[in-house]
Amino acid sequence: MSTISIRQAALTDIEALSVLFDGYRQFYGRESDVAAAKQFLIDRIGNGESVLFIAHDGSEPIGFTQLYPSFSSVSLGRIYVLNDLFVNELGRRKGVGAKLLKAAADFARTVGAIRLALSTANTNTTAQALYEAEGWERDDDFFYTCTVKK
């Protein structure tokens, strides 16, 4: 029997998060680098720059989501950018993604945020279907991005 649990992650989860985060990056075509993934997460958590939730099936880590704080000048309120959501092969088709989205929304509501925002690849129809099934709405009004070159 599957026992899915979701909780806010802490630095004590860094080993499990690093492996999951590395898998997420590989999903998007990046080379595996668990050490760099670990350092990135340590920096984000240590500097209070992100909030992470981790999913377990029993004791097995199977997914995570990462939120970055931001603000809306027009609405005069805090927002969070749901930048990362990943469920590994062991956790897929078990409702883990939906539970991670709910945990993110519950957290945002609890801290008084006015909005959660995310973006995903146009080709990631699986993720889009999940977001829409969970009540997220597509925003076609704002769709520009700028990659800052080094």
C-alpha atoms as a PDB file:
ATOM      1  CA  MET A   1       0.000   0.000   0.000  1.00  0.00           C
ATOM      2  CA  SER A   2       1.281   3.444  -0.953  1.00  0.00           C
ATOM      3  CA  THR A   3       1.690   6.030   1.789  1.00  0.00           C
ATOM      4  CA  ILE A   4       2.329   9.407   0.160  1.00  0.00           C
ATOM      5  CA  SER A   5       3.361  12.236   2.465  1.00  0.00           C
ATOM      6  CA  ILE A   6       4.275  15.834   1.660  1.00  0.00           C
ATOM      7  CA  ARG A   7       6.057  18.204   3.996  1.00  0.00           C
ATOM      8  CA  GLN A   8       8.153  21.339   3.884  1.00  0.00           C
ATOM      9  CA  ALA A   9      11.772  20.372   3.337  1.00  0.00           C
ATOM     10  CA  ALA A  10      14.720  21.418   5.472  1.00  0.00           C
ATOM     11  CA  LEU A  11      18.499  21.228   5.166  1.00  0.00           C
ATOM     12  CA  THR A  12      18.314  17.776   6.742  1.00  0.00           C
ATOM     13  CA  ASP A  13      16.633  16.630   3.490  1.00  0.00           C
ATOM     14  CA  ILE A  14      19.496  17.872   1.324  1.00  0.00           C
ATOM     15  CA  GLU A  15      20.813  14.452   0.221  1.00  0.00           C
ATOM     16  CA  ALA A  16      17.401  13.277  -1.012  1.00  0.00           C
ATOM     17  CA  LEU A  17      16.560  16.674  -2.506  1.00  0.00           C
ATOM     18  CA  SER A  18      19.877  16.798  -4.363  1.00  0.00           C
ATOM     19  CA  VAL A  19      19.188  13.512  -6.131  1.00  0.00           C
ATOM     20  CA  LEU A  20      15.636  14.563  -7.012  1.00  0.00           C
ATOM     21  CA  PHE A  21      16.791  18.007  -8.165  1.00  0.00           C
ATOM     22  CA  ASP A  22      19.486  16.403 -10.321  1.00  0.00           C
ATOM     23  CA  GLY A  23      16.820  14.149 -11.888  1.00  0.00           C
ATOM     24  CA  TYR A  24      14.688  17.215 -12.574  1.00  0.00           C
ATOM     25  CA  ARG A  25      17.582  18.959 -14.310  1.00  0.00           C
ATOM     26  CA  GLN A  26      18.275  15.839 -16.393  1.00  0.00           C
ATOM     27  CA  PHE A  27      14.598  15.786 -17.408  1.00  0.00           C
ATOM     28  CA  TYR A  28      15.254  19.211 -18.953  1.00  0.00           C
ATOM     29  CA  GLY A  29      18.346  17.997 -20.825  1.00  0.00           C
ATOM     30  CA  ARG A  30      21.102  18.967 -18.387  1.00  0.00           C
ATOM     31  CA  GLU A  31      24.053  16.756 -17.531  1.00  0.00           C
ATOM     32  CA  SER A  32      23.938  15.027 -14.161  1.00  0.00           C
ATOM     33  CA  ASP A  33      25.806  16.935 -11.436  1.00  0.00           C
ATOM     34  CA  VAL A  34      24.534  15.983  -7.992  1.00  0.00           C
ATOM     35  CA  ALA A  35      27.254  17.986  -6.228  1.00  0.00           C
ATOM     36  CA  ALA A  36      26.277  21.199  -8.053  1.00  0.00           C
ATOM     37  CA  ALA A  37      22.578  20.493  -7.449  1.00  0.00           C
ATOM     38  CA  LYS A  38      23.310  20.014  -3.747  1.00  0.00           C
ATOM     39  CA  GLN A  39      25.269  23.268  -3.483  1.00  0.00           C
ATOM     40  CA  PHE A  40      22.560  25.175  -5.361  1.00  0.00           C
ATOM     41  CA  LEU A  41      19.904  23.926  -2.944  1.00  0.00           C
ATOM     42  CA  ILE A  42      22.058  24.566   0.121  1.00  0.00           C
ATOM     43  CA  ASP A  43      22.516  28.156  -1.067  1.00  0.00           C
ATOM     44  CA  ARG A  44      18.806  28.678  -1.721  1.00  0.00           C
ATOM     45  CA  ILE A  45      17.697  27.194   1.598  1.00  0.00           C
ATOM     46  CA  GLY A  46      20.555  28.707   3.593  1.00  0.00           C
ATOM     47  CA  ASN A  47      19.901  32.201   2.248  1.00  0.00           C
ATOM     48  CA  GLY A  48      16.130  31.932   2.671  1.00  0.00           C
ATOM     49  CA  GLU A  49      15.712  32.279  -1.094  1.00  0.00           C
ATOM     50  CA  SER A  50      13.330  29.389  -1.655  1.00  0.00           C
ATOM     51  CA  VAL A  51      10.810  27.136   0.006  1.00  0.00           C
ATOM     52  CA  LEU A  52      10.828  23.453  -0.868  1.00  0.00           C
ATOM     53  CA  PHE A  53       8.351  20.675  -0.295  1.00  0.00           C
ATOM     54  CA  ILE A  54       9.389  17.040  -0.502  1.00  0.00           C
ATOM     55  CA  ALA A  55       7.191  14.034  -1.239  1.00  0.00           C
ATOM     56  CA  HIS A  56       7.804  10.563   0.142  1.00  0.00           C
ATOM     57  CA  ASP A  57       6.200   7.228  -0.568  1.00  0.00           C
ATOM     58  CA  GLY A  58       6.742   5.616   2.803  1.00  0.00           C
ATOM     59  CA  SER A  59      10.385   6.478   3.462  1.00  0.00           C
ATOM     60  CA  GLU A  60      11.326   6.795  -0.230  1.00  0.00           C
ATOM     61  CA  PRO A  61      11.782  10.376  -1.519  1.00  0.00           C
ATOM     62  CA  ILE A  62       9.877  10.626  -4.813  1.00  0.00           C
ATOM     63  CA  GLY A  63       9.292  14.275  -5.639  1.00  0.00           C
ATOM     64  CA  PHE A  64       9.653  17.921  -4.755  1.00  0.00           C
ATOM     65  CA  THR A  65       8.534  21.406  -5.605  1.00  0.00           C
ATOM     66  CA  GLN A  66      10.457  24.640  -5.129  1.00  0.00           C
ATOM     67  CA  LEU A  67       8.947  28.089  -4.665  1.00  0.00           C
ATOM     68  CA  TYR A  68      10.791  31.382  -5.032  1.00  0.00           C
ATOM     69  CA  PRO A  69       9.420  34.456  -3.245  1.00  0.00           C
ATOM     70  CA  SER A  70       8.700  37.599  -5.212  1.00  0.00           C
ATOM     71  CA  PHE A  71       6.322  40.558  -5.131  1.00  0.00           C
ATOM     72  CA  SER A  72       3.664  42.168  -7.261  1.00  0.00           C
ATOM     73  CA  SER A  73       4.139  45.924  -7.368  1.00  0.00           C
ATOM     74  CA  VAL A  74       0.735  46.504  -8.923  1.00  0.00           C
ATOM     75  CA  SER A  75      -1.114  44.353  -6.388  1.00  0.00           C
ATOM     76  CA  LEU A  76       1.136  45.374  -3.495  1.00  0.00           C
ATOM     77  CA  GLY A  77       1.567  41.813  -2.326  1.00  0.00           C
ATOM     78  CA  ARG A  78       3.815  38.793  -2.038  1.00  0.00           C
ATOM     79  CA  ILE A  79       3.734  36.173  -4.732  1.00  0.00           C
ATOM     80  CA  TYR A  80       5.593  32.898  -5.106  1.00  0.00           C
ATOM     81  CA  VAL A  81       6.969  31.490  -8.319  1.00  0.00           C
ATOM     82  CA  LEU A  82       6.536  27.741  -8.465  1.00  0.00           C
ATOM     83  CA  ASN A  83       9.718  27.234 -10.415  1.00  0.00           C
ATOM     84  CA  ASP A  84      10.315  23.508 -10.061  1.00  0.00           C
ATOM     85  CA  LEU A  85       8.048  20.493  -9.767  1.00  0.00           C
ATOM     86  CA  PHE A  86       9.379  16.985 -10.222  1.00  0.00           C
ATOM     87  CA  VAL A  87       8.200  13.466  -9.485  1.00  0.00           C
ATOM     88  CA  ASN A  88      10.540  10.578 -10.208  1.00  0.00           C
ATOM     89  CA  GLU A  89       9.509   7.366 -11.964  1.00  0.00           C
ATOM     90  CA  LEU A  90       8.650   5.631  -8.669  1.00  0.00           C
ATOM     91  CA  GLY A  91       6.166   8.356  -7.773  1.00  0.00           C
ATOM     92  CA  ARG A  92       4.407   8.944 -11.047  1.00  0.00           C
ATOM     93  CA  ARG A  93       0.715   8.134 -11.530  1.00  0.00           C
ATOM     94  CA  LYS A  94       0.096   8.271  -7.773  1.00  0.00           C
ATOM     95  CA  GLY A  95      -1.228  11.827  -7.459  1.00  0.00           C
ATOM     96  CA  VAL A  96       2.078  13.137  -6.100  1.00  0.00           C
ATOM     97  CA  GLY A  97       2.232  16.138  -8.436  1.00  0.00           C
ATOM     98  CA  ALA A  98      -1.262  17.204  -7.391  1.00  0.00           C
ATOM     99  CA  LYS A  99      -0.349  16.844  -3.709  1.00  0.00           C
ATOM    100  CA  LEU A 100       2.782  18.950  -4.197  1.00  0.00           C
ATOM    101  CA  LEU A 101       0.718  21.650  -5.935  1.00  0.00           C
ATOM    102  CA  LYS A 102      -1.759  21.617  -3.056  1.00  0.00           C
ATOM    103  CA  ALA A 103       1.039  21.911  -0.482  1.00  0.00           C
ATOM    104  CA  ALA A 104       2.443  24.900  -2.391  1.00  0.00           C
ATOM    105  CA  ALA A 105      -0.966  26.593  -2.545  1.00  0.00           C
ATOM    106  CA  ASP A 106      -1.660  25.890   1.136  1.00  0.00           C
ATOM    107  CA  PHE A 107       1.710  27.374   2.081  1.00  0.00           C
ATOM    108  CA  ALA A 108       1.163  30.479  -0.063  1.00  0.00           C
ATOM    109  CA  ARG A 109      -2.275  30.978   1.482  1.00  0.00           C
ATOM    110  CA  THR A 110      -0.901  30.520   5.010  1.00  0.00           C
ATOM    111  CA  VAL A 111       1.805  33.179   4.562  1.00  0.00           C
ATOM    112  CA  GLY A 112      -0.633  35.636   2.955  1.00  0.00           C
ATOM    113  CA  ALA A 113       0.626  35.472  -0.603  1.00  0.00           C
ATOM    114  CA  ILE A 114      -1.762  36.812  -3.220  1.00  0.00           C
ATOM    115  CA  ARG A 115      -0.707  34.554  -6.073  1.00  0.00           C
ATOM    116  CA  LEU A 116       1.302  31.558  -7.213  1.00  0.00           C
ATOM    117  CA  ALA A 117       2.779  31.682 -10.701  1.00  0.00           C
ATOM    118  CA  LEU A 118       4.509  29.106 -12.845  1.00  0.00           C
ATOM    119  CA  SER A 119       5.582  28.491 -16.382  1.00  0.00           C
ATOM    120  CA  THR A 120       6.293  25.290 -18.217  1.00  0.00           C
ATOM    121  CA  ALA A 121       7.492  24.312 -21.641  1.00  0.00           C
ATOM    122  CA  ASN A 122       4.850  24.561 -24.369  1.00  0.00           C
ATOM    123  CA  THR A 123       5.611  20.929 -25.183  1.00  0.00           C
ATOM    124  CA  ASN A 124       5.119  19.667 -21.620  1.00  0.00           C
ATOM    125  CA  THR A 125       1.485  18.740 -22.110  1.00  0.00           C
ATOM    126  CA  THR A 126       1.528  16.257 -19.223  1.00  0.00           C
ATOM    127  CA  ALA A 127       2.372  19.033 -16.753  1.00  0.00           C
ATOM    128  CA  GLN A 128      -0.138  21.383 -18.390  1.00  0.00           C
ATOM    129  CA  ALA A 129      -2.893  18.798 -17.994  1.00  0.00           C
ATOM    130  CA  LEU A 130      -2.028  18.420 -14.301  1.00  0.00           C
ATOM    131  CA  TYR A 131      -2.043  22.177 -13.685  1.00  0.00           C
ATOM    132  CA  GLU A 132      -5.380  22.626 -15.420  1.00  0.00           C
ATOM    133  CA  ALA A 133      -6.882  19.638 -13.593  1.00  0.00           C
ATOM    134  CA  GLU A 134      -5.803  21.253 -10.315  1.00  0.00           C
ATOM    135  CA  GLY A 135      -7.518  24.552 -11.160  1.00  0.00           C
ATOM    136  CA  TRP A 136      -4.563  26.545 -12.459  1.00  0.00           C
ATOM    137  CA  GLU A 137      -5.447  28.913 -15.290  1.00  0.00           C
ATOM    138  CA  ARG A 138      -3.379  29.604 -18.377  1.00  0.00           C
ATOM    139  CA  ASP A 139      -2.297  33.243 -18.604  1.00  0.00           C
ATOM    140  CA  ASP A 140      -1.941  34.330 -22.208  1.00  0.00           C
ATOM    141  CA  ASP A 141      -1.527  38.010 -21.311  1.00  0.00           C
ATOM    142  CA  PHE A 142       2.103  37.838 -20.150  1.00  0.00           C
ATOM    143  CA  PHE A 143       4.439  35.718 -22.208  1.00  0.00           C
ATOM    144  CA  TYR A 144       7.737  37.460 -22.816  1.00  0.00           C
ATOM    145  CA  THR A 145      11.044  36.358 -21.402  1.00  0.00           C
ATOM    146  CA  CYS A 146      14.606  37.606 -21.746  1.00  0.00           C
ATOM    147  CA  THR A 147      17.651  35.420 -21.339  1.00  0.00           C
ATOM    148  CA  VAL A 148      20.547  37.464 -19.997  1.00  0.00           C
ATOM    149  CA  LYS A 149      23.691  36.491 -21.836  1.00  0.00           C
ATOM    150  CA  LYS A 150      27.012  36.148 -20.012  1.00  0.00           C
END
